[in-house]
């Protein structure tokens, strides 16, 4: 998925297991890219630390999460759940805010 973030022209999020493994070696990014998230992130959040802290954890997480048949078996359902949530957001009144953390937590728990 490609999207805009403060401090960056374009950001890319990789969710495909094959692409995730192919890009696993990319650990560098502009430090300011995720600075806007600092107030929202707990200490030790594995999504936003500097590359030198992130690299060892990323390798461990990828060994558990990437390319697993169990994930692939459920991918259609994961996609369906995400699409349902996106459709619900699209149907909200124009300009109505989405409580993103709450919504993504619910989505994550449904997927688990």
Protein backbone atom coordinates (compact mmCIF):
# COMPACT_ATOMS: atom_id res chain seq x y z
CA UNK A 1 0.00 0.00 0.00
CA UNK A 2 1.30 3.44 -0.86
CA UNK A 3 0.30 6.47 1.19
CA UNK A 4 1.41 9.93 2.28
CA UNK A 5 3.01 10.60 5.68
CA UNK A 6 4.13 13.88 7.21
CA UNK A 7 7.80 14.40 6.33
CA UNK A 8 7.79 12.04 3.33
CA UNK A 9 6.75 12.25 -0.29
CA UNK A 10 5.47 8.69 -0.37
CA UNK A 11 5.53 5.79 2.10
CA UNK A 12 5.03 2.14 1.24
CA UNK A 13 3.72 -0.57 3.54
CA UNK A 14 4.42 -4.15 2.47
CA UNK A 15 1.86 -6.78 3.48
CA UNK A 16 2.45 -9.48 0.86
CA UNK A 17 4.48 -12.34 2.42
CA UNK A 18 6.66 -12.77 -0.68
CA UNK A 19 7.42 -9.05 -0.93
CA UNK A 20 7.96 -8.88 2.82
CA UNK A 21 10.67 -11.52 2.62
CA UNK A 22 12.17 -9.86 -0.47
CA UNK A 23 12.41 -6.49 1.30
CA UNK A 24 13.42 -7.80 4.74
CA UNK A 25 16.95 -6.46 4.28
CA UNK A 26 15.74 -2.84 3.98
CA UNK A 27 16.17 -1.36 7.42
CA UNK A 28 16.95 2.26 6.67
CA UNK A 29 14.49 5.10 6.54
CA UNK A 30 14.56 8.81 7.27
CA UNK A 31 14.40 9.15 11.07
CA UNK A 32 11.91 12.01 10.78
CA UNK A 33 9.49 9.82 8.79
CA UNK A 34 7.75 8.44 11.88
CA UNK A 35 8.50 11.31 14.28
CA UNK A 36 4.85 12.37 14.17
CA UNK A 37 3.97 9.02 15.83
CA UNK A 38 6.29 9.51 18.83
CA UNK A 39 3.54 10.80 21.15
CA UNK A 40 1.35 7.81 20.27
CA UNK A 41 3.89 5.01 20.58
CA UNK A 42 4.70 3.13 23.71
CA UNK A 43 8.35 2.73 24.67
CA UNK A 44 9.82 -0.25 22.90
CA UNK A 45 7.28 -0.34 20.07
CA UNK A 46 8.82 -2.61 17.41
CA UNK A 47 7.28 -0.68 14.52
CA UNK A 48 9.25 2.55 14.82
CA UNK A 49 12.69 2.15 16.50
CA UNK A 50 15.91 3.17 14.73
CA UNK A 51 17.35 0.59 12.31
CA UNK A 52 20.11 -0.56 14.68
CA UNK A 53 17.48 -1.51 17.28
CA UNK A 54 14.91 -2.73 14.77
CA UNK A 55 17.07 -5.11 12.70
CA UNK A 56 17.52 -7.97 15.21
CA UNK A 57 13.82 -7.94 16.15
CA UNK A 58 12.70 -7.73 12.53
CA UNK A 59 14.61 -10.90 11.66
CA UNK A 60 12.99 -12.75 14.57
CA UNK A 61 9.51 -11.49 13.73
CA UNK A 62 9.89 -12.34 10.05
CA UNK A 63 10.94 -15.88 10.91
CA UNK A 64 7.64 -16.28 12.75
CA UNK A 65 5.27 -14.22 10.59
CA UNK A 66 6.42 -14.39 6.98
CA UNK A 67 5.48 -17.11 4.52
CA UNK A 68 3.54 -19.28 6.94
CA UNK A 69 0.96 -21.67 5.44
CA UNK A 70 -1.41 -20.91 8.34
CA UNK A 71 -1.42 -17.23 7.37
CA UNK A 72 -1.86 -18.05 3.71
CA UNK A 73 -4.83 -20.33 4.47
CA UNK A 74 -6.62 -17.46 6.19
CA UNK A 75 -5.57 -14.66 3.85
CA UNK A 76 -8.96 -14.54 2.07
CA UNK A 77 -10.75 -14.09 5.40
CA UNK A 78 -8.24 -11.44 6.54
CA UNK A 79 -8.87 -9.60 3.29
CA UNK A 80 -12.63 -9.89 3.77
CA UNK A 81 -12.44 -8.50 7.31
CA UNK A 82 -10.27 -5.57 6.20
CA UNK A 83 -12.59 -4.82 3.27
CA UNK A 84 -15.66 -4.87 5.54
CA UNK A 85 -13.99 -2.38 7.86
CA UNK A 86 -12.90 -0.13 4.96
CA UNK A 87 -16.41 -0.24 3.47
CA UNK A 88 -17.86 0.78 6.83
CA UNK A 89 -15.47 3.73 7.03
CA UNK A 90 -16.33 4.74 3.46
CA UNK A 91 -20.03 4.73 4.39
CA UNK A 92 -19.59 7.13 7.30
CA UNK A 93 -20.79 10.70 6.99
CA UNK A 94 -18.34 12.88 5.10
CA UNK A 95 -15.76 14.28 7.48
CA UNK A 96 -16.76 12.02 10.38
CA UNK A 97 -13.54 10.98 12.15
CA UNK A 98 -12.48 7.35 12.43
CA UNK A 99 -11.11 6.20 15.78
CA UNK A 100 -8.24 4.48 14.01
CA UNK A 101 -6.50 2.86 16.98
CA UNK A 102 -9.78 1.42 18.25
CA UNK A 103 -10.83 0.28 14.78
CA UNK A 104 -7.49 -1.38 14.00
CA UNK A 105 -7.42 -3.05 17.42
CA UNK A 106 -10.86 -4.54 16.74
CA UNK A 107 -9.72 -5.65 13.28
CA UNK A 108 -6.55 -7.24 14.69
CA UNK A 109 -8.47 -9.10 17.36
CA UNK A 110 -10.99 -10.41 14.82
CA UNK A 111 -8.12 -11.66 12.67
CA UNK A 112 -6.47 -13.37 15.62
